[in-house]
Protein backbone atom coordinates (compact mmCIF):
# COMPACT_ATOMS: atom_id res chain seq x y z
CA MET A 1 166.96 29.51 123.88
CA SER A 2 167.92 30.11 120.20
CA GLY A 3 168.42 26.19 119.67
CA HIS A 4 164.82 25.41 119.42
CA SER A 5 163.70 29.13 118.16
CA LYS A 6 161.20 28.50 115.44
CA TRP A 7 162.38 31.22 113.45
CA HIS A 8 166.03 30.04 113.68
CA ASN A 9 164.90 26.56 112.95
CA ILE A 10 163.05 27.73 109.72
CA GLN A 11 166.03 29.90 108.41
CA ALA A 12 168.35 26.97 109.33
CA LYS A 13 166.15 24.59 107.02
CA LYS A 14 165.38 26.75 104.16
CA GLY A 15 168.18 26.20 102.21
CA LYS A 16 167.87 22.18 102.42
CA VAL A 17 163.95 22.29 101.93
CA ASP A 18 164.38 24.22 98.78
CA ALA A 19 166.99 21.84 97.45
CA LYS A 20 164.55 18.67 98.60
CA ARG A 21 161.41 20.01 97.67
CA GLY A 22 160.80 17.08 95.13
CA LYS A 23 161.06 14.86 98.21
CA ILE A 24 159.05 16.90 100.49
CA PHE A 25 156.04 16.79 98.01
CA THR A 26 156.55 13.21 97.75
CA LYS A 27 156.29 12.68 101.41
CA ILE A 28 153.13 15.22 101.34
CA GLY A 29 151.60 13.11 98.72
CA LYS A 30 151.89 10.03 100.95
CA GLU A 31 149.86 11.72 103.79
CA LEU A 32 147.40 12.68 101.51
CA ALA A 33 146.99 9.23 100.31
CA MET A 34 146.53 7.94 103.85
CA ALA A 35 144.31 10.54 104.63
CA ILE A 36 142.30 10.05 101.60
CA LYS A 37 142.04 6.07 102.05
CA ASN A 38 140.82 6.86 105.66
CA GLY A 39 138.65 9.29 105.15
CA GLY A 40 137.41 10.09 101.41
CA ALA A 41 138.76 12.63 98.92
CA ASN A 42 136.45 15.45 99.78
CA PRO A 43 138.18 18.08 101.93
CA GLU A 44 134.96 19.55 103.16
CA SER A 45 134.07 15.84 104.72
CA ASN A 46 137.65 14.96 105.84
CA SER A 47 139.58 17.06 108.40
CA LYS A 48 142.37 15.33 108.21
CA LEU A 49 142.55 15.92 104.34
CA ARG A 50 142.24 19.66 105.10
CA ASP A 51 145.05 19.46 107.68
CA VAL A 52 147.37 17.70 105.20
CA VAL A 53 146.50 20.46 102.54
CA ALA A 54 147.48 23.00 105.04
CA LYS A 55 150.70 21.47 105.66
CA ALA A 56 151.21 21.38 101.84
CA LYS A 57 150.58 24.94 101.59
CA ALA A 58 152.82 25.73 104.10
CA ALA A 59 155.37 23.98 102.21
CA ASN A 60 155.03 26.00 99.27
CA MET A 61 153.32 22.93 97.40
CA PRO A 62 151.56 24.63 94.26
CA ASN A 63 147.67 24.28 94.33
CA ASP A 64 147.92 22.28 90.84
CA ASN A 65 150.40 20.10 92.21
CA ILE A 66 147.98 19.48 95.44
CA GLN A 67 144.92 18.75 93.23
CA ARG A 68 146.77 16.47 91.01
CA ALA A 69 148.37 14.56 94.07
CA ILE A 70 144.72 14.52 95.84
CA LYS A 71 143.26 12.78 92.20
CA LYS A 72 145.91 10.53 92.05
CA ALA A 73 145.48 9.02 95.67
CA ALA A 74 141.76 8.93 95.15
CA GLY A 75 142.26 6.83 92.08
CA GLU A 76 144.83 4.50 94.06
CA ALA A 77 143.02 4.70 97.69
CA ASP A 78 142.41 0.73 97.10
CA THR A 79 145.83 0.09 96.68
CA VAL A 80 147.72 2.15 99.39
CA THR A 81 149.59 -0.26 101.56
CA TYR A 82 151.49 2.07 103.63
CA GLU A 83 151.73 1.36 107.35
CA GLU A 84 152.46 4.00 109.94
CA ILE A 85 155.07 2.98 112.56
CA VAL A 86 156.64 5.19 115.20
CA TYR A 87 160.54 4.55 115.85
CA GLU A 88 162.04 6.13 119.12
CA GLY A 89 165.62 6.54 120.32
CA TYR A 90 168.42 8.50 121.37
CA GLY A 91 171.02 10.23 119.40
CA PRO A 92 174.09 11.46 120.51
CA ALA A 93 174.64 13.05 123.77
CA GLY A 94 171.23 11.00 124.70
CA ILE A 95 169.23 13.65 122.40
CA ALA A 96 165.64 12.08 122.61
CA VAL A 97 164.27 11.33 118.77
CA ILE A 98 160.93 10.11 117.59
CA VAL A 99 160.83 9.09 113.91
CA GLU A 100 157.44 8.52 112.28
CA THR A 101 157.22 6.89 108.91
CA LEU A 102 154.61 5.65 106.36
CA THR A 103 156.09 2.39 104.72
CA ASP A 104 155.27 -0.74 102.65
CA ASN A 105 158.05 -2.52 103.99
CA LYS A 106 158.73 -2.22 107.66
CA ASN A 107 161.95 -4.50 107.64
CA ARG A 108 163.54 -1.92 105.38
CA THR A 109 162.30 0.88 107.21
CA ALA A 110 163.40 -0.48 110.50
CA GLY A 111 166.96 -1.22 109.40
CA ASN A 112 167.26 2.14 107.51
CA VAL A 113 166.30 3.74 110.79
CA ARG A 114 168.59 1.71 113.20
CA HIS A 115 171.38 2.43 111.09
CA ALA A 116 170.60 6.29 111.08
CA PHE A 117 170.81 6.26 114.97
CA THR A 118 173.76 4.12 115.49
CA LYS A 119 176.13 5.36 112.66
CA GLN A 120 176.31 8.93 114.87
CA GLY A 121 176.69 7.25 118.43
CA GLY A 122 173.00 6.89 119.22
CA ASN A 123 170.87 4.02 119.89
CA MET A 124 167.36 2.92 118.70
CA GLY A 125 164.97 2.01 121.61
CA SER A 126 161.57 0.35 122.70
CA THR A 127 158.41 1.90 121.88
CA GLY A 128 157.59 4.36 124.67
CA CYS A 129 161.26 5.21 125.43
CA VAL A 130 161.08 8.94 125.00
CA SER A 131 157.76 9.61 123.85
CA PHE A 132 156.68 10.38 127.59
CA MET A 133 159.17 13.07 127.03
CA PHE A 134 156.85 14.57 124.23
CA GLN A 135 153.34 16.53 124.08
CA LYS A 136 151.32 15.82 120.48
CA LYS A 137 150.23 19.47 119.91
CA GLY A 138 149.22 21.74 117.08
CA GLU A 139 151.43 24.40 115.84
CA ILE A 140 151.16 27.19 113.53
CA VAL A 141 153.92 29.42 112.58
CA ILE A 142 153.10 32.91 111.06
CA GLU A 143 155.71 35.35 109.65
CA LYS A 144 155.61 38.71 111.46
CA SER A 145 154.58 41.84 109.19
CA ASP A 146 153.68 45.35 109.60
CA SER A 147 149.82 44.56 108.33
CA LEU A 148 149.65 41.94 111.14
CA ASP A 149 148.58 43.30 114.57
CA GLU A 150 149.75 41.14 117.40
CA ASP A 151 146.83 41.62 119.88
CA GLU A 152 144.13 40.90 117.30
CA LEU A 153 146.00 37.96 115.74
CA MET A 154 146.16 36.74 119.54
CA MET A 155 142.55 37.26 120.29
CA LEU A 156 141.47 35.39 116.91
CA ALA A 157 143.80 32.39 117.96
CA LEU A 158 142.47 32.30 121.13
CA ASP A 159 138.93 33.07 120.69
CA ALA A 160 139.04 30.14 118.17
CA GLY A 161 140.61 27.71 120.78
CA ALA A 162 144.42 27.88 120.70
CA GLU A 163 145.88 27.10 123.81
CA ASP A 164 148.96 29.10 123.70
CA PHE A 165 150.30 32.84 121.64
CA SER A 166 153.85 33.63 121.72
CA ALA A 167 155.71 36.16 119.66
CA GLU A 168 159.07 35.13 119.01
CA ASP A 169 162.09 36.62 116.83
CA GLU A 170 160.49 37.00 113.38
CA VAL A 171 157.29 34.86 113.79
CA TYR A 172 154.09 34.09 116.12
CA VAL A 173 153.65 30.87 117.32
CA ILE A 174 150.40 29.40 117.92
CA THR A 175 149.87 26.20 119.89
CA THR A 176 146.65 24.12 120.13
CA ALA A 177 145.59 20.61 121.33
CA PRO A 178 145.28 18.30 118.46
CA GLU A 179 141.65 18.21 118.52
CA GLU A 180 141.25 21.70 118.02
CA PHE A 181 143.99 22.23 115.44
CA GLY A 182 142.03 22.19 112.69
CA THR A 183 139.39 24.59 113.93
CA VAL A 184 141.98 27.09 114.87
CA ARG A 185 144.13 26.80 111.38
CA GLU A 186 140.67 27.12 109.43
CA ALA A 187 139.86 30.24 111.72
CA LEU A 188 143.16 31.93 110.73
CA GLU A 189 142.72 30.91 107.00
CA SER A 190 139.38 32.31 106.66
CA ASN A 191 140.98 35.75 108.19
CA GLY A 192 143.52 35.16 105.06
CA LEU A 193 146.15 34.17 107.04
CA GLU A 194 149.35 32.35 105.46
CA PHE A 195 151.32 29.84 107.37
CA LEU A 196 155.11 29.02 107.69
CA GLU A 197 154.42 25.88 109.16
CA ALA A 198 151.02 24.11 109.87
CA ASP A 199 151.16 20.66 111.41
CA ILE A 200 150.44 18.68 114.47
CA LYS A 201 153.92 17.69 115.70
CA GLY A 202 155.66 16.19 118.79
CA ILE A 203 156.75 19.12 121.20
CA PRO A 204 159.48 18.04 123.81
CA ASP A 205 158.80 18.86 127.55
CA THR A 206 162.56 19.87 128.20
CA TYR A 207 165.55 20.28 125.99
CA THR A 208 169.18 18.75 125.74
CA ALA A 209 171.65 21.35 125.08
CA ILE A 210 174.39 20.19 123.03
CA ASP A 211 178.11 21.45 121.75
CA GLU A 212 178.66 22.27 118.14
CA GLU A 213 180.58 18.67 117.88
CA THR A 214 177.70 17.07 118.87
CA ALA A 215 175.56 19.06 116.59
CA VAL A 216 177.55 18.00 113.56
CA LYS A 217 176.75 14.35 114.29
CA PHE A 218 173.26 14.95 115.10
CA GLN A 219 172.62 16.83 111.95
CA LYS A 220 174.18 14.09 109.92
CA MET A 221 171.52 11.97 111.54
CA LEU A 222 168.93 13.82 110.93
CA ASP A 223 169.85 14.42 107.50
CA GLN A 224 170.04 10.31 106.68
CA LEU A 225 166.56 10.17 108.45
CA GLU A 226 165.16 12.67 106.38
CA GLU A 227 166.69 11.64 103.07
CA ASP A 228 164.88 8.13 103.62
CA ASP A 229 161.73 8.18 101.74
CA ASP A 230 159.75 6.25 104.35
CA VAL A 231 160.38 8.78 107.09
CA GLN A 232 157.59 11.44 107.54
CA ASN A 233 158.61 13.49 110.76
CA VAL A 234 161.38 13.43 113.27
CA TYR A 235 160.90 15.04 116.71
CA HIS A 236 163.72 15.86 118.87
CA ASN A 237 164.52 17.88 122.07
CA ALA A 238 168.13 19.13 120.92
CA GLU A 239 168.62 22.70 121.94
CA LEU A 240 171.65 23.39 118.92
CA PRO A 241 174.33 25.98 119.60
CA GLU A 242 174.03 29.76 119.61
CA GLY A 243 173.98 30.44 115.81
CA TRP A 244 174.28 27.03 114.26
CA GLU A 245 173.16 26.47 110.72
CA GLY A 246 173.40 22.93 110.37
């Protein structure tokens, strides 16, 4: 189903990612700050910090920027006041949506998220209304190349503790349990592999097929949420139409 193809989604997002790179780096900076506040500024002893650094690298955040962000966050660790809040609800056509936020003003964030839902015909629900439809999984996406042997990569990933390995379009997708994500990611990194995506995310159990009219509305909702500085991640179960570019 092309609507949730990893390669399709990466291609569709690329132009927007390039245009919003500064905003994405700012959001990753907030995750670095939270990781450092909770576990210290040494990546060797802070596995969550190592995971966020890997996410930053997958987003093409330059190493200098990463190191500056870590240094800045370490200096401000005592003053970080972000609160992690998760919102759930339904987009147009009943699409299940989970919105993860880091905020210093939950009233502002709740209002902004609710507005994004309702403006496009959705509605924000209560905690747990859609989260049962998703599983938390580590997901690592690697672009195919002539220098990568599929069988060797699969064995490396599975031997390191991955749950699943699949070849899809132009990418390989490696899935892990959340607690094994860091171990698998580091095993792949130690073999010189680079990632298109590397994060723990909400993966839907089933998908909701939508038509182009609904996809236009839903894309506007996603854009509004992703523009919000407090929103870190958005997960959904929409199966977008064939060839959809967003």
